[in-house]
């Protein structure tokens, strides 16, 4: 429990899908700052069909992008910590199987 004399809670929430007005009203009219657009070019890739095992599909996509594209980063949206850890572990294991001439 926070003492009344302590510093106020400062909270930063970032979301592309957040219902801003509802969120701000919940926090007694807290201010919101909207930042529109991207500050760098982004390429978005989608699977052509639904994937039975989306974690396996994510690992395969990351490794394919890593080997086929030039420079850049890969951002994968996953649903929770367990999925993040599973995908990270699978990538770590499979990167050892990449060809010797694949990017490091």
PDB file of N, CA and C in Angstrom:
ATOM      1  N   UNK A   1       0.843  -1.184   0.000  1.00  0.00           N
ATOM      2  CA  UNK A   1       0.000   0.000   0.000  1.00  0.00           C
ATOM      3  C   UNK A   1       0.881   1.237   0.000  1.00  0.00           C
ATOM      4  N   UNK A   2       0.557   2.184  -0.865  1.00  0.00           N
ATOM      5  CA  UNK A   2       1.373   3.399  -0.988  1.00  0.00           C
ATOM      6  C   UNK A   2       0.919   4.431   0.044  1.00  0.00           C
ATOM      7  N   UNK A   3       1.874   5.030   0.695  1.00  0.00           N
ATOM      8  CA  UNK A   3       1.553   6.083   1.652  1.00  0.00           C
ATOM      9  C   UNK A   3       1.072   7.318   0.908  1.00  0.00           C
ATOM     10  N   UNK A   4       0.193   8.073   1.516  1.00  0.00           N
ATOM     11  CA  UNK A   4      -0.353   9.268   0.869  1.00  0.00           C
ATOM     12  C   UNK A   4       0.724  10.308   0.586  1.00  0.00           C
ATOM     13  N   UNK A   5       1.813  10.278   1.312  1.00  0.00           N
ATOM     14  CA  UNK A   5       2.865  11.276   1.121  1.00  0.00           C
ATOM     15  C   UNK A   5       3.916  10.825   0.109  1.00  0.00           C
ATOM     16  N   UNK A   6       3.790   9.620  -0.416  1.00  0.00           N
ATOM     17  CA  UNK A   6       4.786   9.146  -1.374  1.00  0.00           C
ATOM     18  C   UNK A   6       4.578   9.792  -2.737  1.00  0.00           C
ATOM     19  N   UNK A   7       5.541   9.597  -3.591  1.00  0.00           N
ATOM     20  CA  UNK A   7       5.446  10.145  -4.950  1.00  0.00           C
ATOM     21  C   UNK A   7       4.287   9.499  -5.690  1.00  0.00           C
ATOM     22  N   UNK A   8       3.690  10.226  -6.632  1.00  0.00           N
ATOM     23  CA  UNK A   8       2.568   9.653  -7.392  1.00  0.00           C
ATOM     24  C   UNK A   8       3.054   8.529  -8.312  1.00  0.00           C
ATOM     25  N   UNK A   9       2.168   7.601  -8.572  1.00  0.00           N
ATOM     26  CA  UNK A   9       2.467   6.507  -9.477  1.00  0.00           C
ATOM     27  C   UNK A   9       2.580   7.043 -10.894  1.00  0.00           C
ATOM     28  N   UNK A  10       3.655   6.696 -11.550  1.00  0.00           N
ATOM     29  CA  UNK A  10       3.842   7.084 -12.954  1.00  0.00           C
ATOM     30  C   UNK A  10       3.835   5.799 -13.767  1.00  0.00           C
ATOM     31  N   UNK A  11       2.968   5.773 -14.751  1.00  0.00           N
ATOM     32  CA  UNK A  11       2.749   4.560 -15.523  1.00  0.00           C
ATOM     33  C   UNK A  11       2.815   4.889 -17.005  1.00  0.00           C
ATOM     34  N   UNK A  12       3.596   4.104 -17.733  1.00  0.00           N
ATOM     35  CA  UNK A  12       3.645   4.242 -19.184  1.00  0.00           C
ATOM     36  C   UNK A  12       3.129   2.943 -19.772  1.00  0.00           C
ATOM     37  N   UNK A  13       2.128   3.050 -20.632  1.00  0.00           N
ATOM     38  CA  UNK A  13       1.541   1.883 -21.295  1.00  0.00           C
ATOM     39  C   UNK A  13       1.631   2.132 -22.792  1.00  0.00           C
ATOM     40  N   UNK A  14       2.169   1.145 -23.497  1.00  0.00           N
ATOM     41  CA  UNK A  14       2.252   1.260 -24.951  1.00  0.00           C
ATOM     42  C   UNK A  14       1.454   0.121 -25.562  1.00  0.00           C
ATOM     43  N   UNK A  15       0.580   0.465 -26.480  1.00  0.00           N
ATOM     44  CA  UNK A  15      -0.238  -0.555 -27.124  1.00  0.00           C
ATOM     45  C   UNK A  15      -0.790  -0.014 -28.430  1.00  0.00           C
ATOM     46  N   UNK A  16      -0.820  -0.875 -29.431  1.00  0.00           N
ATOM     47  CA  UNK A  16      -1.413  -0.477 -30.699  1.00  0.00           C
ATOM     48  C   UNK A  16      -2.923  -0.640 -30.686  1.00  0.00           C
ATOM     49  N   UNK A  17      -3.442  -1.371 -29.717  1.00  0.00           N
ATOM     50  CA  UNK A  17      -4.882  -1.681 -29.714  1.00  0.00           C
ATOM     51  C   UNK A  17      -5.604  -1.198 -28.460  1.00  0.00           C
ATOM     52  N   UNK A  18      -4.948  -0.454 -27.626  1.00  0.00           N
ATOM     53  CA  UNK A  18      -5.537   0.011 -26.374  1.00  0.00           C
ATOM     54  C   UNK A  18      -6.688   0.981 -26.633  1.00  0.00           C
ATOM     55  N   UNK A  19      -7.771   0.805 -25.902  1.00  0.00           N
ATOM     56  CA  UNK A  19      -8.875   1.772 -25.945  1.00  0.00           C
ATOM     57  C   UNK A  19      -8.503   2.909 -24.997  1.00  0.00           C
ATOM     58  N   UNK A  20      -7.899   3.935 -25.562  1.00  0.00           N
ATOM     59  CA  UNK A  20      -7.269   4.993 -24.781  1.00  0.00           C
ATOM     60  C   UNK A  20      -8.246   5.678 -23.832  1.00  0.00           C
ATOM     61  N   UNK A  21      -9.412   6.081 -24.319  1.00  0.00           N
ATOM     62  CA  UNK A  21     -10.360   6.806 -23.466  1.00  0.00           C
ATOM     63  C   UNK A  21     -10.805   5.956 -22.281  1.00  0.00           C
ATOM     64  N   UNK A  22     -11.117   4.712 -22.525  1.00  0.00           N
ATOM     65  CA  UNK A  22     -11.532   3.809 -21.458  1.00  0.00           C
ATOM     66  C   UNK A  22     -10.419   3.656 -20.423  1.00  0.00           C
ATOM     67  N   UNK A  23      -9.197   3.492 -20.896  1.00  0.00           N
ATOM     68  CA  UNK A  23      -8.048   3.322 -20.012  1.00  0.00           C
ATOM     69  C   UNK A  23      -7.818   4.577 -19.162  1.00  0.00           C
ATOM     70  N   UNK A  24      -7.815   5.733 -19.808  1.00  0.00           N
ATOM     71  CA  UNK A  24      -7.590   6.991 -19.085  1.00  0.00           C
ATOM     72  C   UNK A  24      -8.689   7.256 -18.068  1.00  0.00           C
ATOM     73  N   UNK A  25      -9.942   6.965 -18.421  1.00  0.00           N
ATOM     74  CA  UNK A  25     -11.046   7.149 -17.473  1.00  0.00           C
ATOM     75  C   UNK A  25     -10.899   6.243 -16.265  1.00  0.00           C
ATOM     76  N   UNK A  26     -10.411   5.030 -16.474  1.00  0.00           N
ATOM     77  CA  UNK A  26     -10.199   4.110 -15.357  1.00  0.00           C
ATOM     78  C   UNK A  26      -9.209   4.694 -14.358  1.00  0.00           C
ATOM     79  N   UNK A  27      -8.228   5.441 -14.864  1.00  0.00           N
ATOM     80  CA  UNK A  27      -7.220   6.063 -14.002  1.00  0.00           C
ATOM     81  C   UNK A  27      -7.543   7.533 -13.752  1.00  0.00           C
ATOM     82  N   UNK A  28      -8.822   7.815 -13.544  1.00  0.00           N
ATOM     83  CA  UNK A  28      -9.289   9.152 -13.143  1.00  0.00           C
ATOM     84  C   UNK A  28      -8.842  10.253 -14.092  1.00  0.00           C
ATOM     85  N   UNK A  29      -8.980  10.012 -15.379  1.00  0.00           N
ATOM     86  CA  UNK A  29      -8.659  11.039 -16.366  1.00  0.00           C
ATOM     87  C   UNK A  29      -7.176  11.243 -16.600  1.00  0.00           C
ATOM     88  N   UNK A  30      -6.383  10.199 -16.417  1.00  0.00           N
ATOM     89  CA  UNK A  30      -4.941  10.306 -16.640  1.00  0.00           C
ATOM     90  C   UNK A  30      -4.666  10.765 -18.066  1.00  0.00           C
ATOM     91  N   UNK A  31      -3.614  11.551 -18.243  1.00  0.00           N
ATOM     92  CA  UNK A  31      -3.303  12.051 -19.590  1.00  0.00           C
ATOM     93  C   UNK A  31      -2.774  10.935 -20.498  1.00  0.00           C
ATOM     94  N   UNK A  32      -2.977  11.112 -21.785  1.00  0.00           N
ATOM     95  CA  UNK A  32      -2.476  10.158 -22.773  1.00  0.00           C
ATOM     96  C   UNK A  32      -1.708  10.919 -23.843  1.00  0.00           C
ATOM     97  N   UNK A  33      -0.662  10.309 -24.324  1.00  0.00           N
ATOM     98  CA  UNK A  33       0.122  10.865 -25.417  1.00  0.00           C
ATOM     99  C   UNK A  33       0.045   9.870 -26.559  1.00  0.00           C
ATOM    100  N   UNK A  34      -0.352  10.345 -27.712  1.00  0.00           N
ATOM    101  CA  UNK A  34      -0.437   9.465 -28.886  1.00  0.00           C
ATOM    102  C   UNK A  34       0.727   9.760 -29.817  1.00  0.00           C
ATOM    103  N   UNK A  35       1.421   8.726 -30.208  1.00  0.00           N
ATOM    104  CA  UNK A  35       2.523   8.838 -31.158  1.00  0.00           C
ATOM    105  C   UNK A  35       2.116   8.038 -32.382  1.00  0.00           C
ATOM    106  N   UNK A  36       1.945   8.716 -33.486  1.00  0.00           N
ATOM    107  CA  UNK A  36       1.479   8.064 -34.702  1.00  0.00           C
ATOM    108  C   UNK A  36       2.643   7.770 -35.636  1.00  0.00           C
ATOM    109  N   UNK A  37       2.490   6.723 -36.400  1.00  0.00           N
ATOM    110  CA  UNK A  37       3.466   6.406 -37.425  1.00  0.00           C
ATOM    111  C   UNK A  37       4.666   5.651 -36.894  1.00  0.00           C
ATOM    112  N   UNK A  38       5.524   5.313 -37.811  1.00  0.00           N
ATOM    113  CA  UNK A  38       6.750   4.594 -37.476  1.00  0.00           C
ATOM    114  C   UNK A  38       7.924   5.504 -37.760  1.00  0.00           C
ATOM    115  N   UNK A  39       8.983   5.322 -37.016  1.00  0.00           N
ATOM    116  CA  UNK A  39      10.159   6.154 -37.226  1.00  0.00           C
ATOM    117  C   UNK A  39      11.171   5.479 -38.143  1.00  0.00           C
ATOM    118  N   UNK A  40      10.873   4.298 -38.642  1.00  0.00           N
ATOM    119  CA  UNK A  40      11.765   3.598 -39.552  1.00  0.00           C
ATOM    120  C   UNK A  40      10.936   2.660 -40.418  1.00  0.00           C
ATOM    121  N   UNK A  41      11.449   2.301 -41.591  1.00  0.00           N
ATOM    122  CA  UNK A  41      10.669   1.430 -42.474  1.00  0.00           C
ATOM    123  C   UNK A  41      10.507   0.030 -41.885  1.00  0.00           C
ATOM    124  N   UNK A  42       9.334  -0.538 -42.072  1.00  0.00           N
ATOM    125  CA  UNK A  42       9.024  -1.865 -41.540  1.00  0.00           C
ATOM    126  C   UNK A  42       8.431  -2.708 -42.656  1.00  0.00           C
ATOM    127  N   UNK A  43       8.900  -3.938 -42.769  1.00  0.00           N
ATOM    128  CA  UNK A  43       8.291  -4.893 -43.682  1.00  0.00           C
ATOM    129  C   UNK A  43       7.501  -5.879 -42.834  1.00  0.00           C
ATOM    130  N   UNK A  44       6.277  -6.150 -43.220  1.00  0.00           N
ATOM    131  CA  UNK A  44       5.426  -7.065 -42.487  1.00  0.00           C
ATOM    132  C   UNK A  44       5.213  -8.318 -43.319  1.00  0.00           C
ATOM    133  N   UNK A  45       5.411  -9.472 -42.693  1.00  0.00           N
ATOM    134  CA  UNK A  45       5.222 -10.746 -43.373  1.00  0.00           C
ATOM    135  C   UNK A  45       4.085 -11.501 -42.694  1.00  0.00           C
ATOM    136  N   UNK A  46       3.259 -12.156 -43.489  1.00  0.00           N
ATOM    137  CA  UNK A  46       2.149 -12.943 -42.976  1.00  0.00           C
ATOM    138  C   UNK A  46       2.221 -14.348 -43.560  1.00  0.00           C
ATOM    139  N   UNK A  47       1.737 -15.323 -42.809  1.00  0.00           N
ATOM    140  CA  UNK A  47       1.605 -16.682 -43.341  1.00  0.00           C
ATOM    141  C   UNK A  47       0.471 -16.678 -44.353  1.00  0.00           C
ATOM    142  N   UNK A  48       0.635 -17.445 -45.414  1.00  0.00           N
ATOM    143  CA  UNK A  48      -0.398 -17.476 -46.452  1.00  0.00           C
ATOM    144  C   UNK A  48      -1.628 -18.275 -46.028  1.00  0.00           C
ATOM    145  N   UNK A  49      -1.479 -19.086 -44.984  1.00  0.00           N
ATOM    146  CA  UNK A  49      -2.598 -19.901 -44.485  1.00  0.00           C
ATOM    147  C   UNK A  49      -2.473 -20.013 -42.970  1.00  0.00           C
ATOM    148  N   UNK A  50      -3.561 -20.325 -42.285  1.00  0.00           N
ATOM    149  CA  UNK A  50      -3.489 -20.525 -40.835  1.00  0.00           C
ATOM    150  C   UNK A  50      -2.482 -21.632 -40.494  1.00  0.00           C
ATOM    151  N   UNK A  51      -1.791 -21.455 -39.386  1.00  0.00           N
ATOM    152  CA  UNK A  51      -0.765 -22.409 -38.965  1.00  0.00           C
ATOM    153  C   UNK A  51      -1.284 -23.251 -37.799  1.00  0.00           C
ATOM    154  N   UNK A  52      -1.096 -24.545 -37.891  1.00  0.00           N
ATOM    155  CA  UNK A  52      -1.539 -25.450 -36.822  1.00  0.00           C
ATOM    156  C   UNK A  52      -0.734 -25.200 -35.543  1.00  0.00           C
ATOM    157  N   UNK A  53       0.573 -25.057 -35.682  1.00  0.00           N
ATOM    158  CA  UNK A  53       1.461 -24.814 -34.537  1.00  0.00           C
ATOM    159  C   UNK A  53       2.120 -23.454 -34.756  1.00  0.00           C
ATOM    160  N   UNK A  54       1.552 -22.417 -34.165  1.00  0.00           N
ATOM    161  CA  UNK A  54       2.039 -21.076 -34.446  1.00  0.00           C
ATOM    162  C   UNK A  54       3.433 -20.827 -33.891  1.00  0.00           C
ATOM    163  N   UNK A  55       3.822 -21.531 -32.844  1.00  0.00           N
ATOM    164  CA  UNK A  55       5.179 -21.361 -32.315  1.00  0.00           C
ATOM    165  C   UNK A  55       6.208 -21.931 -33.291  1.00  0.00           C
ATOM    166  N   UNK A  56       5.919 -23.106 -33.807  1.00  0.00           N
ATOM    167  CA  UNK A  56       6.794 -23.711 -34.817  1.00  0.00           C
ATOM    168  C   UNK A  56       6.864 -22.818 -36.053  1.00  0.00           C
ATOM    169  N   UNK A  57       5.741 -22.280 -36.465  1.00  0.00           N
ATOM    170  CA  UNK A  57       5.708 -21.386 -37.623  1.00  0.00           C
ATOM    171  C   UNK A  57       6.530 -20.124 -37.352  1.00  0.00           C
ATOM    172  N   UNK A  58       6.467 -19.609 -36.134  1.00  0.00           N
ATOM    173  CA  UNK A  58       7.236 -18.409 -35.780  1.00  0.00           C
ATOM    174  C   UNK A  58       8.736 -18.700 -35.849  1.00  0.00           C
ATOM    175  N   UNK A  59       9.156 -19.827 -35.317  1.00  0.00           N
ATOM    176  CA  UNK A  59      10.572 -20.202 -35.357  1.00  0.00           C
ATOM    177  C   UNK A  59      11.030 -20.335 -36.803  1.00  0.00           C
ATOM    178  N   UNK A  60      10.257 -21.047 -37.615  1.00  0.00           N
ATOM    179  CA  UNK A  60      10.622 -21.221 -39.021  1.00  0.00           C
ATOM    180  C   UNK A  60      10.696 -19.881 -39.746  1.00  0.00           C
ATOM    181  N   UNK A  61       9.745 -18.996 -39.489  1.00  0.00           N
ATOM    182  CA  UNK A  61       9.735 -17.689 -40.147  1.00  0.00           C
ATOM    183  C   UNK A  61      10.954 -16.863 -39.747  1.00  0.00           C
ATOM    184  N   UNK A  62      11.282 -16.862 -38.465  1.00  0.00           N
ATOM    185  CA  UNK A  62      12.444 -16.098 -37.994  1.00  0.00           C
ATOM    186  C   UNK A  62      13.713 -16.592 -38.675  1.00  0.00           C
ATOM    187  N   UNK A  63      13.898 -17.904 -38.707  1.00  0.00           N
ATOM    188  CA  UNK A  63      15.113 -18.448 -39.311  1.00  0.00           C
ATOM    189  C   UNK A  63      15.139 -18.205 -40.822  1.00  0.00           C
ATOM    190  N   UNK A  64      13.997 -18.278 -41.469  1.00  0.00           N
ATOM    191  CA  UNK A  64      13.954 -18.006 -42.902  1.00  0.00           C
ATOM    192  C   UNK A  64      14.286 -16.545 -43.190  1.00  0.00           C
ATOM    193  N   UNK A  65      13.706 -15.642 -42.442  1.00  0.00           N
ATOM    194  CA  UNK A  65      13.994 -14.218 -42.619  1.00  0.00           C
ATOM    195  C   UNK A  65      15.473 -13.954 -42.344  1.00  0.00           C
ATOM    196  N   UNK A  66      16.001 -14.572 -41.306  1.00  0.00           N
ATOM    197  CA  UNK A  66      17.402 -14.377 -40.921  1.00  0.00           C
ATOM    198  C   UNK A  66      18.347 -14.801 -42.043  1.00  0.00           C
ATOM    199  N   UNK A  67      18.035 -15.905 -42.703  1.00  0.00           N
ATOM    200  CA  UNK A  67      18.927 -16.403 -43.750  1.00  0.00           C
ATOM    201  C   UNK A  67      18.670 -15.752 -45.104  1.00  0.00           C
ATOM    202  N   UNK A  68      17.438 -15.327 -45.392  1.00  0.00           N
ATOM    203  CA  UNK A  68      17.097 -14.816 -46.719  1.00  0.00           C
ATOM    204  C   UNK A  68      17.230 -13.306 -46.869  1.00  0.00           C
ATOM    205  N   UNK A  69      17.027 -12.570 -45.817  1.00  0.00           N
ATOM    206  CA  UNK A  69      17.048 -11.108 -45.902  1.00  0.00           C
ATOM    207  C   UNK A  69      18.440 -10.582 -45.568  1.00  0.00           C
ATOM    208  N   UNK A  70      18.666  -9.330 -45.926  1.00  0.00           N
ATOM    209  CA  UNK A  70      19.955  -8.717 -45.613  1.00  0.00           C
ATOM    210  C   UNK A  70      19.952  -8.268 -44.166  1.00  0.00           C
ATOM    211  N   UNK A  71      20.220  -7.028 -43.905  1.00  0.00           N
ATOM    212  CA  UNK A  71      20.291  -6.535 -42.530  1.00  0.00           C
ATOM    213  C   UNK A  71      18.903  -6.263 -41.962  1.00  0.00           C
ATOM    214  N   UNK A  72      18.827  -6.168 -40.648  1.00  0.00           N
ATOM    215  CA  UNK A  72      17.587  -5.799 -39.995  1.00  0.00           C
ATOM    216  C   UNK A  72      17.293  -6.686 -38.810  1.00  0.00           C
ATOM    217  N   UNK A  73      16.215  -6.388 -38.148  1.00  0.00           N
ATOM    218  CA  UNK A  73      15.783  -7.118 -36.972  1.00  0.00           C
ATOM    219  C   UNK A  73      14.454  -7.796 -37.263  1.00  0.00           C
ATOM    220  N   UNK A  74      14.128  -8.766 -36.438  1.00  0.00           N
ATOM    221  CA  UNK A  74      12.864  -9.481 -36.570  1.00  0.00           C
ATOM    222  C   UNK A  74      12.098  -9.295 -35.264  1.00  0.00           C
ATOM    223  N   UNK A  75      10.853  -8.888 -35.367  1.00  0.00           N
ATOM    224  CA  UNK A  75       9.984  -8.728 -34.207  1.00  0.00           C
ATOM    225  C   UNK A  75       8.835  -9.713 -34.344  1.00  0.00           C
ATOM    226  N   UNK A  76       8.670 -10.557 -33.331  1.00  0.00           N
ATOM    227  CA  UNK A  76       7.608 -11.562 -33.330  1.00  0.00           C
ATOM    228  C   UNK A  76       6.718 -11.283 -32.124  1.00  0.00           C
ATOM    229  N   UNK A  77       5.425 -11.202 -32.350  1.00  0.00           N
ATOM    230  CA  UNK A  77       4.479 -11.016 -31.255  1.00  0.00           C
ATOM    231  C   UNK A  77       3.993 -12.378 -30.789  1.00  0.00           C
ATOM    232  N   UNK A  78       4.198 -12.660 -29.514  1.00  0.00           N
ATOM    233  CA  UNK A  78       3.765 -13.923 -28.919  1.00  0.00           C
ATOM    234  C   UNK A  78       2.845 -13.630 -27.744  1.00  0.00           C
ATOM    235  N   UNK A  79       2.151 -14.656 -27.282  1.00  0.00           N
ATOM    236  CA  UNK A  79       1.082 -14.422 -26.308  1.00  0.00           C
ATOM    237  C   UNK A  79       1.526 -14.403 -24.853  1.00  0.00           C
ATOM    238  N   UNK A  80       2.699 -14.884 -24.525  1.00  0.00           N
ATOM    239  CA  UNK A  80       3.090 -14.880 -23.124  1.00  0.00           C
ATOM    240  C   UNK A  80       4.517 -15.351 -22.918  1.00  0.00           C
ATOM    241  N   UNK A  81       4.950 -15.311 -21.665  1.00  0.00           N
ATOM    242  CA  UNK A  81       6.321 -15.649 -21.296  1.00  0.00           C
ATOM    243  C   UNK A  81       6.700 -17.069 -21.699  1.00  0.00           C
ATOM    244  N   UNK A  82       5.805 -18.032 -21.506  1.00  0.00           N
ATOM    245  CA  UNK A  82       6.112 -19.417 -21.872  1.00  0.00           C
ATOM    246  C   UNK A  82       6.383 -19.541 -23.369  1.00  0.00           C
ATOM    247  N   UNK A  83       5.559 -18.889 -24.171  1.00  0.00           N
ATOM    248  CA  UNK A  83       5.759 -18.930 -25.624  1.00  0.00           C
ATOM    249  C   UNK A  83       7.073 -18.254 -26.013  1.00  0.00           C
ATOM    250  N   UNK A  84       7.369 -17.134 -25.398  1.00  0.00           N
ATOM    251  CA  UNK A  84       8.615 -16.412 -25.686  1.00  0.00           C
ATOM    252  C   UNK A  84       9.817 -17.300 -25.381  1.00  0.00           C
ATOM    253  N   UNK A  85       9.807 -17.928 -24.218  1.00  0.00           N
ATOM    254  CA  UNK A  85      10.928 -18.784 -23.834  1.00  0.00           C
ATOM    255  C   UNK A  85      11.049 -19.999 -24.744  1.00  0.00           C
ATOM    256  N   UNK A  86       9.921 -20.579 -25.145  1.00  0.00           N
ATOM    257  CA  UNK A  86       9.949 -21.746 -26.030  1.00  0.00           C
ATOM    258  C   UNK A  86      10.510 -21.382 -27.398  1.00  0.00           C
ATOM    259  N   UNK A  87      10.080 -20.259 -27.955  1.00  0.00           N
ATOM    260  CA  UNK A  87      10.565 -19.836 -29.264  1.00  0.00           C
ATOM    261  C   UNK A  87      12.047 -19.469 -29.188  1.00  0.00           C
ATOM    262  N   UNK A  88      12.447 -18.762 -28.154  1.00  0.00           N
ATOM    263  CA  UNK A  88      13.860 -18.391 -28.005  1.00  0.00           C
ATOM    264  C   UNK A  88      14.742 -19.634 -27.909  1.00  0.00           C
ATOM    265  N   UNK A  89      14.310 -20.620 -27.134  1.00  0.00           N
ATOM    266  CA  UNK A  89      15.090 -21.853 -26.991  1.00  0.00           C
ATOM    267  C   UNK A  89      15.173 -22.609 -28.314  1.00  0.00           C
ATOM    268  N   UNK A  90      14.074 -22.672 -29.039  1.00  0.00           N
ATOM    269  CA  UNK A  90      14.067 -23.378 -30.326  1.00  0.00           C
ATOM    270  C   UNK A  90      14.985 -22.683 -31.330  1.00  0.00           C
ATOM    271  N   UNK A  91      14.977 -21.361 -31.343  1.00  0.00           N
ATOM    272  CA  UNK A  91      15.862 -20.624 -32.252  1.00  0.00           C
ATOM    273  C   UNK A  91      17.318 -20.873 -31.880  1.00  0.00           C
ATOM    274  N   UNK A  92      17.624 -20.834 -30.591  1.00  0.00           N
ATOM    275  CA  UNK A  92      18.997 -21.107 -30.147  1.00  0.00           C
ATOM    276  C   UNK A  92      19.459 -22.486 -30.585  1.00  0.00           C
ATOM    277  N   UNK A  93      18.601 -23.484 -30.474  1.00  0.00           N
ATOM    278  CA  UNK A  93      18.961 -24.845 -30.884  1.00  0.00           C
ATOM    279  C   UNK A  93      19.127 -24.943 -32.390  1.00  0.00           C
ATOM    280  N   UNK A  94      18.196 -24.377 -33.115  1.00  0.00           N
ATOM    281  CA  UNK A  94      18.197 -24.538 -34.574  1.00  0.00           C
ATOM    282  C   UNK A  94      19.225 -23.677 -35.288  1.00  0.00           C
ATOM    283  N   UNK A  95      19.659 -22.605 -34.651  1.00  0.00           N
ATOM    284  CA  UNK A  95      20.658 -21.779 -35.340  1.00  0.00           C
ATOM    285  C   UNK A  95      21.961 -22.547 -35.519  1.00  0.00           C
ATOM    286  N   UNK A  96      22.175 -23.554 -34.688  1.00  0.00           N
ATOM    287  CA  UNK A  96      23.374 -24.395 -34.829  1.00  0.00           C
ATOM    288  C   UNK A  96      23.298 -25.254 -36.095  1.00  0.00           C
ATOM    289  N   UNK A  97      22.086 -25.453 -36.625  1.00  0.00           N
ATOM    290  CA  UNK A  97      21.903 -26.284 -37.816  1.00  0.00           C
ATOM    291  C   UNK A  97      21.943 -25.476 -39.118  1.00  0.00           C
ATOM    292  N   UNK A  98      22.057 -24.157 -39.004  1.00  0.00           N
ATOM    293  CA  UNK A  98      22.095 -23.315 -40.192  1.00  0.00           C
ATOM    294  C   UNK A  98      23.378 -23.575 -40.968  1.00  0.00           C
ATOM    295  N   UNK A  99      23.349 -23.357 -42.278  1.00  0.00           N
ATOM    296  CA  UNK A  99      24.572 -23.537 -43.081  1.00  0.00           C
ATOM    297  C   UNK A  99      25.698 -22.624 -42.590  1.00  0.00           C
ATOM    298  N   UNK A 100      26.911 -23.027 -42.843  1.00  0.00           N
ATOM    299  CA  UNK A 100      28.076 -22.266 -42.382  1.00  0.00           C
ATOM    300  C   UNK A 100      28.113 -20.865 -42.971  1.00  0.00           C
ATOM    301  N   UNK A 101      27.549 -20.680 -44.170  1.00  0.00           N
ATOM    302  CA  UNK A 101      27.578 -19.357 -44.791  1.00  0.00           C
ATOM    303  C   UNK A 101      26.383 -18.478 -44.409  1.00  0.00           C
ATOM    304  N   UNK A 102      25.537 -18.958 -43.510  1.00  0.00           N
ATOM    305  CA  UNK A 102      24.390 -18.157 -43.041  1.00  0.00           C
ATOM    306  C   UNK A 102      24.904 -17.011 -42.172  1.00  0.00           C
ATOM    307  N   UNK A 103      24.179 -15.888 -42.159  1.00  0.00           N
ATOM    308  CA  UNK A 103      24.602 -14.773 -41.299  1.00  0.00           C
ATOM    309  C   UNK A 103      24.700 -15.216 -39.847  1.00  0.00           C
ATOM    310  N   UNK A 104      25.618 -14.586 -39.120  1.00  0.00           N
ATOM    311  CA  UNK A 104      25.811 -14.941 -37.711  1.00  0.00           C
ATOM    312  C   UNK A 104      24.697 -14.422 -36.846  1.00  0.00           C
TER     313      UNK A 104
END
